[in-house]
Amino acid sequence: MPRPSPRNQGLFPCEAEVARRLSQSPTEWATKAKILERDGLRKVDPLMGGRPWPAVQAYFLRRYGLSTVEPMAPDGVENLDAF
């Protein structure tokens, strides 16, 4: 069995590997990714050259209601004198 390229492993896989992991062709993924980015999918990090895979997983878990963790908006400035 061939060994996976280092570019396909780790936290910042190339777009072709993201497509493979999501059962998409690279062309299909490129089109869908642009739409999903408008809905909160993390963009490709220009320094690292890929999307952070844990963020991609978290996005889809939230999208399909499979995450128990939801981001919360700040509820205001803390008033420590209130205690």
PDB file of N, CA and C in Angstrom:
ATOM      1  N   MET A   1       0.851  -1.175   0.000  1.00  0.00           N
ATOM      2  CA  MET A   1       0.000   0.000   0.000  1.00  0.00           C
ATOM      3  C   MET A   1       0.899   1.241   0.000  1.00  0.00           C
ATOM      4  N   PRO A   2       0.637   2.211  -0.900  1.00  0.00           N
ATOM      5  CA  PRO A   2       1.491   3.399  -0.941  1.00  0.00           C
ATOM      6  C   PRO A   2       1.322   4.254   0.316  1.00  0.00           C
ATOM      7  N   ARG A   3       2.396   4.855   0.689  1.00  0.00           N
ATOM      8  CA  ARG A   3       2.393   5.717   1.867  1.00  0.00           C
ATOM      9  C   ARG A   3       1.801   7.084   1.512  1.00  0.00           C
ATOM     10  N   PRO A   4       0.908   7.645   2.340  1.00  0.00           N
ATOM     11  CA  PRO A   4       0.319   8.953   2.030  1.00  0.00           C
ATOM     12  C   PRO A   4       1.367  10.055   2.025  1.00  0.00           C
ATOM     13  N   SER A   5       1.187  10.994   1.147  1.00  0.00           N
ATOM     14  CA  SER A   5       2.080  12.154   1.076  1.00  0.00           C
ATOM     15  C   SER A   5       1.940  12.972   2.357  1.00  0.00           C
ATOM     16  N   PRO A   6       3.046  13.572   2.855  1.00  0.00           N
ATOM     17  CA  PRO A   6       2.927  14.419   4.044  1.00  0.00           C
ATOM     18  C   PRO A   6       1.940  15.566   3.844  1.00  0.00           C
ATOM     19  N   ARG A   7       1.727  15.986   2.608  1.00  0.00           N
ATOM     20  CA  ARG A   7       0.800  17.077   2.309  1.00  0.00           C
ATOM     21  C   ARG A   7      -0.645  16.655   2.551  1.00  0.00           C
ATOM     22  N   ASN A   8      -0.893  15.343   2.594  1.00  0.00           N
ATOM     23  CA  ASN A   8      -2.243  14.838   2.811  1.00  0.00           C
ATOM     24  C   ASN A   8      -2.512  14.515   4.274  1.00  0.00           C
ATOM     25  N   GLN A   9      -1.527  14.711   5.102  1.00  0.00           N
ATOM     26  CA  GLN A   9      -1.659  14.390   6.511  1.00  0.00           C
ATOM     27  C   GLN A   9      -1.661  15.670   7.326  1.00  0.00           C
ATOM     28  N   GLY A  10      -1.876  15.537   8.590  1.00  0.00           N
ATOM     29  CA  GLY A  10      -1.713  16.661   9.491  1.00  0.00           C
ATOM     30  C   GLY A  10      -2.904  17.594   9.577  1.00  0.00           C
ATOM     31  N   LEU A  11      -2.647  18.739  10.182  1.00  0.00           N
ATOM     32  CA  LEU A  11      -3.708  19.697  10.492  1.00  0.00           C
ATOM     33  C   LEU A  11      -4.154  20.546   9.308  1.00  0.00           C
ATOM     34  N   PHE A  12      -3.308  20.705   8.300  1.00  0.00           N
ATOM     35  CA  PHE A  12      -3.619  21.577   7.168  1.00  0.00           C
ATOM     36  C   PHE A  12      -3.493  20.818   5.844  1.00  0.00           C
ATOM     37  N   PRO A  13      -4.399  19.864   5.564  1.00  0.00           N
ATOM     38  CA  PRO A  13      -4.299  19.109   4.318  1.00  0.00           C
ATOM     39  C   PRO A  13      -4.585  20.002   3.114  1.00  0.00           C
ATOM     40  N   CYS A  14      -4.042  19.601   1.964  1.00  0.00           N
ATOM     41  CA  CYS A  14      -4.312  20.336   0.726  1.00  0.00           C
ATOM     42  C   CYS A  14      -5.797  20.187   0.369  1.00  0.00           C
ATOM     43  N   GLU A  15      -6.269  21.028  -0.515  1.00  0.00           N
ATOM     44  CA  GLU A  15      -7.688  21.017  -0.894  1.00  0.00           C
ATOM     45  C   GLU A  15      -8.099  19.697  -1.540  1.00  0.00           C
ATOM     46  N   ALA A  16      -7.198  19.069  -2.287  1.00  0.00           N
ATOM     47  CA  ALA A  16      -7.532  17.779  -2.887  1.00  0.00           C
ATOM     48  C   ALA A  16      -7.770  16.731  -1.804  1.00  0.00           C
ATOM     49  N   GLU A  17      -6.996  16.789  -0.721  1.00  0.00           N
ATOM     50  CA  GLU A  17      -7.184  15.844   0.379  1.00  0.00           C
ATOM     51  C   GLU A  17      -8.451  16.151   1.159  1.00  0.00           C
ATOM     52  N   VAL A  18      -8.763  17.424   1.357  1.00  0.00           N
ATOM     53  CA  VAL A  18     -10.026  17.781   2.014  1.00  0.00           C
ATOM     54  C   VAL A  18     -11.181  17.228   1.189  1.00  0.00           C
ATOM     55  N   ALA A  19     -11.116  17.408  -0.130  1.00  0.00           N
ATOM     56  CA  ALA A  19     -12.162  16.883  -1.012  1.00  0.00           C
ATOM     57  C   ALA A  19     -12.280  15.367  -0.860  1.00  0.00           C
ATOM     58  N   ARG A  20     -11.144  14.669  -0.845  1.00  0.00           N
ATOM     59  CA  ARG A  20     -11.164  13.211  -0.713  1.00  0.00           C
ATOM     60  C   ARG A  20     -11.802  12.789   0.599  1.00  0.00           C
ATOM     61  N   ARG A  21     -11.418  13.472   1.702  1.00  0.00           N
ATOM     62  CA  ARG A  21     -11.962  13.125   3.018  1.00  0.00           C
ATOM     63  C   ARG A  21     -13.466  13.364   3.088  1.00  0.00           C
ATOM     64  N   LEU A  22     -13.968  14.282   2.267  1.00  0.00           N
ATOM     65  CA  LEU A  22     -15.394  14.604   2.262  1.00  0.00           C
ATOM     66  C   LEU A  22     -16.146  13.915   1.123  1.00  0.00           C
ATOM     67  N   SER A  23     -15.495  12.960   0.475  1.00  0.00           N
ATOM     68  CA  SER A  23     -16.093  12.178  -0.623  1.00  0.00           C
ATOM     69  C   SER A  23     -16.559  13.068  -1.775  1.00  0.00           C
ATOM     70  N   GLN A  24     -15.723  14.047  -2.120  1.00  0.00           N
ATOM     71  CA  GLN A  24     -16.012  14.959  -3.222  1.00  0.00           C
ATOM     72  C   GLN A  24     -14.865  14.906  -4.217  1.00  0.00           C
ATOM     73  N   SER A  25     -15.143  15.248  -5.463  1.00  0.00           N
ATOM     74  CA  SER A  25     -14.046  15.440  -6.409  1.00  0.00           C
ATOM     75  C   SER A  25     -13.439  16.812  -6.115  1.00  0.00           C
ATOM     76  N   PRO A  26     -12.182  17.033  -6.475  1.00  0.00           N
ATOM     77  CA  PRO A  26     -11.596  18.359  -6.250  1.00  0.00           C
ATOM     78  C   PRO A  26     -12.389  19.491  -6.903  1.00  0.00           C
ATOM     79  N   THR A  27     -12.949  19.239  -8.081  1.00  0.00           N
ATOM     80  CA  THR A  27     -13.738  20.267  -8.771  1.00  0.00           C
ATOM     81  C   THR A  27     -15.028  20.552  -8.015  1.00  0.00           C
ATOM     82  N   GLU A  28     -15.720  19.484  -7.598  1.00  0.00           N
ATOM     83  CA  GLU A  28     -16.953  19.669  -6.819  1.00  0.00           C
ATOM     84  C   GLU A  28     -16.658  20.430  -5.530  1.00  0.00           C
ATOM     85  N   TRP A  29     -15.593  20.041  -4.846  1.00  0.00           N
ATOM     86  CA  TRP A  29     -15.255  20.663  -3.578  1.00  0.00           C
ATOM     87  C   TRP A  29     -14.939  22.146  -3.751  1.00  0.00           C
ATOM     88  N   ALA A  30     -14.199  22.502  -4.789  1.00  0.00           N
ATOM     89  CA  ALA A  30     -13.839  23.907  -5.012  1.00  0.00           C
ATOM     90  C   ALA A  30     -15.089  24.775  -5.135  1.00  0.00           C
ATOM     91  N   THR A  31     -16.087  24.277  -5.849  1.00  0.00           N
ATOM     92  CA  THR A  31     -17.335  25.022  -6.018  1.00  0.00           C
ATOM     93  C   THR A  31     -18.115  25.092  -4.706  1.00  0.00           C
ATOM     94  N   LYS A  32     -18.243  23.966  -4.030  1.00  0.00           N
ATOM     95  CA  LYS A  32     -19.014  23.916  -2.785  1.00  0.00           C
ATOM     96  C   LYS A  32     -18.335  24.691  -1.664  1.00  0.00           C
ATOM     97  N   ALA A  33     -17.005  24.658  -1.627  1.00  0.00           N
ATOM     98  CA  ALA A  33     -16.273  25.346  -0.560  1.00  0.00           C
ATOM     99  C   ALA A  33     -16.549  26.847  -0.583  1.00  0.00           C
ATOM    100  N   LYS A  34     -16.632  27.436  -1.771  1.00  0.00           N
ATOM    101  CA  LYS A  34     -16.917  28.872  -1.873  1.00  0.00           C
ATOM    102  C   LYS A  34     -18.273  29.206  -1.251  1.00  0.00           C
ATOM    103  N   ILE A  35     -19.244  28.359  -1.482  1.00  0.00           N
ATOM    104  CA  ILE A  35     -20.582  28.573  -0.915  1.00  0.00           C
ATOM    105  C   ILE A  35     -20.551  28.367   0.596  1.00  0.00           C
ATOM    106  N   LEU A  36     -19.897  27.300   1.042  1.00  0.00           N
ATOM    107  CA  LEU A  36     -19.848  26.982   2.465  1.00  0.00           C
ATOM    108  C   LEU A  36     -19.051  28.015   3.267  1.00  0.00           C
ATOM    109  N   GLU A  37     -18.064  28.644   2.647  1.00  0.00           N
ATOM    110  CA  GLU A  37     -17.303  29.692   3.335  1.00  0.00           C
ATOM    111  C   GLU A  37     -18.209  30.853   3.734  1.00  0.00           C
ATOM    112  N   ARG A  38     -19.216  31.137   2.923  1.00  0.00           N
ATOM    113  CA  ARG A  38     -20.166  32.209   3.254  1.00  0.00           C
ATOM    114  C   ARG A  38     -21.013  31.835   4.464  1.00  0.00           C
ATOM    115  N   ASP A  39     -21.072  30.534   4.765  1.00  0.00           N
ATOM    116  CA  ASP A  39     -21.862  30.034   5.888  1.00  0.00           C
ATOM    117  C   ASP A  39     -20.996  29.745   7.120  1.00  0.00           C
ATOM    118  N   GLY A  40     -19.695  30.049   7.029  1.00  0.00           N
ATOM    119  CA  GLY A  40     -18.843  29.890   8.202  1.00  0.00           C
ATOM    120  C   GLY A  40     -17.711  28.895   8.083  1.00  0.00           C
ATOM    121  N   LEU A  41     -17.609  28.166   6.978  1.00  0.00           N
ATOM    122  CA  LEU A  41     -16.481  27.258   6.797  1.00  0.00           C
ATOM    123  C   LEU A  41     -15.190  28.067   6.781  1.00  0.00           C
ATOM    124  N   ARG A  42     -14.204  27.616   7.536  1.00  0.00           N
ATOM    125  CA  ARG A  42     -12.927  28.315   7.611  1.00  0.00           C
ATOM    126  C   ARG A  42     -12.258  28.328   6.248  1.00  0.00           C
ATOM    127  N   LYS A  43     -11.706  29.471   5.865  1.00  0.00           N
ATOM    128  CA  LYS A  43     -11.005  29.611   4.582  1.00  0.00           C
ATOM    129  C   LYS A  43      -9.615  29.006   4.676  1.00  0.00           C
ATOM    130  N   VAL A  44      -8.989  28.833   3.519  1.00  0.00           N
ATOM    131  CA  VAL A  44      -7.619  28.343   3.460  1.00  0.00           C
ATOM    132  C   VAL A  44      -6.716  29.364   4.138  1.00  0.00           C
ATOM    133  N   ASP A  45      -5.899  28.902   5.065  1.00  0.00           N
ATOM    134  CA  ASP A  45      -4.947  29.773   5.744  1.00  0.00           C
ATOM    135  C   ASP A  45      -3.804  30.073   4.780  1.00  0.00           C
ATOM    136  N   PRO A  46      -3.573  31.350   4.440  1.00  0.00           N
ATOM    137  CA  PRO A  46      -2.557  31.663   3.445  1.00  0.00           C
ATOM    138  C   PRO A  46      -1.135  31.289   3.888  1.00  0.00           C
ATOM    139  N   LEU A  47      -0.856  31.358   5.166  1.00  0.00           N
ATOM    140  CA  LEU A  47       0.475  31.005   5.646  1.00  0.00           C
ATOM    141  C   LEU A  47       0.699  29.493   5.599  1.00  0.00           C
ATOM    142  N   MET A  48      -0.303  28.730   6.026  1.00  0.00           N
ATOM    143  CA  MET A  48      -0.161  27.276   6.105  1.00  0.00           C
ATOM    144  C   MET A  48      -0.520  26.577   4.793  1.00  0.00           C
ATOM    145  N   GLY A  49      -1.278  27.243   3.931  1.00  0.00           N
ATOM    146  CA  GLY A  49      -1.610  26.673   2.633  1.00  0.00           C
ATOM    147  C   GLY A  49      -2.707  25.625   2.660  1.00  0.00           C
ATOM    148  N   GLY A  50      -3.511  25.608   3.712  1.00  0.00           N
ATOM    149  CA  GLY A  50      -4.607  24.655   3.792  1.00  0.00           C
ATOM    150  C   GLY A  50      -5.610  25.088   4.838  1.00  0.00           C
ATOM    151  N   ARG A  51      -6.724  24.385   4.889  1.00  0.00           N
ATOM    152  CA  ARG A  51      -7.731  24.645   5.917  1.00  0.00           C
ATOM    153  C   ARG A  51      -7.367  23.831   7.154  1.00  0.00           C
ATOM    154  N   PRO A  52      -7.528  24.377   8.340  1.00  0.00           N
ATOM    155  CA  PRO A  52      -7.279  23.562   9.524  1.00  0.00           C
ATOM    156  C   PRO A  52      -8.335  22.455   9.613  1.00  0.00           C
ATOM    157  N   TRP A  53      -7.907  21.207   9.526  1.00  0.00           N
ATOM    158  CA  TRP A  53      -8.835  20.087   9.473  1.00  0.00           C
ATOM    159  C   TRP A  53      -9.774  20.030  10.675  1.00  0.00           C
ATOM    160  N   PRO A  54      -9.309  20.269  11.912  1.00  0.00           N
ATOM    161  CA  PRO A  54     -10.263  20.254  13.029  1.00  0.00           C
ATOM    162  C   PRO A  54     -11.380  21.289  12.856  1.00  0.00           C
ATOM    163  N   ALA A  55     -11.072  22.431  12.240  1.00  0.00           N
ATOM    164  CA  ALA A  55     -12.104  23.443  12.008  1.00  0.00           C
ATOM    165  C   ALA A  55     -13.098  22.979  10.946  1.00  0.00           C
ATOM    166  N   VAL A  56     -12.615  22.263   9.940  1.00  0.00           N
ATOM    167  CA  VAL A  56     -13.511  21.716   8.908  1.00  0.00           C
ATOM    168  C   VAL A  56     -14.457  20.701   9.546  1.00  0.00           C
ATOM    169  N   GLN A  57     -13.909  19.813  10.362  1.00  0.00           N
ATOM    170  CA  GLN A  57     -14.739  18.827  11.045  1.00  0.00           C
ATOM    171  C   GLN A  57     -15.766  19.511  11.950  1.00  0.00           C
ATOM    172  N   ALA A  58     -15.325  20.494  12.719  1.00  0.00           N
ATOM    173  CA  ALA A  58     -16.237  21.199  13.631  1.00  0.00           C
ATOM    174  C   ALA A  58     -17.353  21.895  12.856  1.00  0.00           C
ATOM    175  N   TYR A  59     -17.016  22.481  11.709  1.00  0.00           N
ATOM    176  CA  TYR A  59     -18.022  23.152  10.886  1.00  0.00           C
ATOM    177  C   TYR A  59     -19.130  22.174  10.495  1.00  0.00           C
ATOM    178  N   PHE A  60     -18.744  21.000   9.990  1.00  0.00           N
ATOM    179  CA  PHE A  60     -19.754  20.049   9.539  1.00  0.00           C
ATOM    180  C   PHE A  60     -20.525  19.439  10.706  1.00  0.00           C
ATOM    181  N   LEU A  61     -19.882  19.236  11.838  1.00  0.00           N
ATOM    182  CA  LEU A  61     -20.604  18.741  13.014  1.00  0.00           C
ATOM    183  C   LEU A  61     -21.676  19.740  13.445  1.00  0.00           C
ATOM    184  N   ARG A  62     -21.323  21.034  13.449  1.00  0.00           N
ATOM    185  CA  ARG A  62     -22.315  22.069  13.787  1.00  0.00           C
ATOM    186  C   ARG A  62     -23.405  22.134  12.733  1.00  0.00           C
ATOM    187  N   ARG A  63     -23.021  22.085  11.469  1.00  0.00           N
ATOM    188  CA  ARG A  63     -23.974  22.211  10.363  1.00  0.00           C
ATOM    189  C   ARG A  63     -25.064  21.146  10.443  1.00  0.00           C
ATOM    190  N   TYR A  64     -24.693  19.954  10.868  1.00  0.00           N
ATOM    191  CA  TYR A  64     -25.653  18.863  10.907  1.00  0.00           C
ATOM    192  C   TYR A  64     -26.149  18.541  12.313  1.00  0.00           C
ATOM    193  N   GLY A  65     -25.939  19.475  13.236  1.00  0.00           N
ATOM    194  CA  GLY A  65     -26.480  19.332  14.578  1.00  0.00           C
ATOM    195  C   GLY A  65     -25.857  18.216  15.389  1.00  0.00           C
ATOM    196  N   LEU A  66     -24.615  17.881  15.106  1.00  0.00           N
ATOM    197  CA  LEU A  66     -23.948  16.781  15.792  1.00  0.00           C
ATOM    198  C   LEU A  66     -22.954  17.258  16.843  1.00  0.00           C
ATOM    199  N   SER A  67     -22.893  18.552  17.053  1.00  0.00           N
ATOM    200  CA  SER A  67     -21.966  19.110  18.037  1.00  0.00           C
ATOM    201  C   SER A  67     -22.743  19.553  19.264  1.00  0.00           C
ATOM    202  N   THR A  68     -22.183  19.303  20.415  1.00  0.00           N
ATOM    203  CA  THR A  68     -22.819  19.763  21.648  1.00  0.00           C
ATOM    204  C   THR A  68     -22.251  21.101  22.083  1.00  0.00           C
ATOM    205  N   VAL A  69     -21.248  21.580  21.365  1.00  0.00           N
ATOM    206  CA  VAL A  69     -20.617  22.857  21.703  1.00  0.00           C
ATOM    207  C   VAL A  69     -21.059  23.890  20.683  1.00  0.00           C
ATOM    208  N   GLU A  70     -21.636  24.958  21.152  1.00  0.00           N
ATOM    209  CA  GLU A  70     -22.068  26.055  20.283  1.00  0.00           C
ATOM    210  C   GLU A  70     -21.308  27.307  20.662  1.00  0.00           C
ATOM    211  N   PRO A  71     -20.842  28.070  19.676  1.00  0.00           N
ATOM    212  CA  PRO A  71     -20.188  29.324  20.027  1.00  0.00           C
ATOM    213  C   PRO A  71     -21.194  30.273  20.667  1.00  0.00           C
ATOM    214  N   MET A  72     -20.735  30.999  21.666  1.00  0.00           N
ATOM    215  CA  MET A  72     -21.619  31.932  22.361  1.00  0.00           C
ATOM    216  C   MET A  72     -21.137  33.358  22.146  1.00  0.00           C
ATOM    217  N   ALA A  73     -22.064  34.259  22.004  1.00  0.00           N
ATOM    218  CA  ALA A  73     -21.728  35.675  21.892  1.00  0.00           C
ATOM    219  C   ALA A  73     -21.462  36.218  23.290  1.00  0.00           C
ATOM    220  N   PRO A  74     -20.528  37.153  23.419  1.00  0.00           N
ATOM    221  CA  PRO A  74     -20.303  37.761  24.725  1.00  0.00           C
ATOM    222  C   PRO A  74     -21.586  38.408  25.222  1.00  0.00           C
ATOM    223  N   ASP A  75     -21.838  38.320  26.516  1.00  0.00           N
ATOM    224  CA  ASP A  75     -23.079  38.869  27.060  1.00  0.00           C
ATOM    225  C   ASP A  75     -22.881  40.240  27.696  1.00  0.00           C
ATOM    226  N   GLY A  76     -21.745  40.847  27.462  1.00  0.00           N
ATOM    227  CA  GLY A  76     -21.496  42.188  27.983  1.00  0.00           C
ATOM    228  C   GLY A  76     -20.205  42.261  28.783  1.00  0.00           C
ATOM    229  N   VAL A  77     -19.931  43.414  29.312  1.00  0.00           N
ATOM    230  CA  VAL A  77     -18.725  43.647  30.089  1.00  0.00           C
ATOM    231  C   VAL A  77     -18.905  43.051  31.483  1.00  0.00           C
ATOM    232  N   GLU A  78     -17.857  42.407  31.966  1.00  0.00           N
ATOM    233  CA  GLU A  78     -17.916  41.821  33.306  1.00  0.00           C
ATOM    234  C   GLU A  78     -17.892  42.914  34.366  1.00  0.00           C
ATOM    235  N   ASN A  79     -18.733  42.775  35.378  1.00  0.00           N
ATOM    236  CA  ASN A  79     -18.757  43.709  36.501  1.00  0.00           C
ATOM    237  C   ASN A  79     -18.392  42.921  37.754  1.00  0.00           C
ATOM    238  N   LEU A  80     -17.110  42.950  38.113  1.00  0.00           N
ATOM    239  CA  LEU A  80     -16.658  42.182  39.243  1.00  0.00           C
ATOM    240  C   LEU A  80     -17.118  42.761  40.581  1.00  0.00           C
ATOM    241  N   ASP A  81     -17.549  44.017  40.595  1.00  0.00           N
ATOM    242  CA  ASP A  81     -18.063  44.619  41.827  1.00  0.00           C
ATOM    243  C   ASP A  81     -19.458  44.119  42.177  1.00  0.00           C
ATOM    244  N   ALA A  82     -20.096  43.419  41.249  1.00  0.00           N
ATOM    245  CA  ALA A  82     -21.448  42.922  41.482  1.00  0.00           C
ATOM    246  C   ALA A  82     -21.475  41.760  42.460  1.00  0.00           C
ATOM    247  N   PHE A  83     -20.333  41.150  42.722  1.00  0.00           N
ATOM    248  CA  PHE A  83     -20.295  39.997  43.629  1.00  0.00           C
ATOM    249  C   PHE A  83     -20.258  40.446  45.020  1.00  0.00           C
TER     250      PHE A  83
END
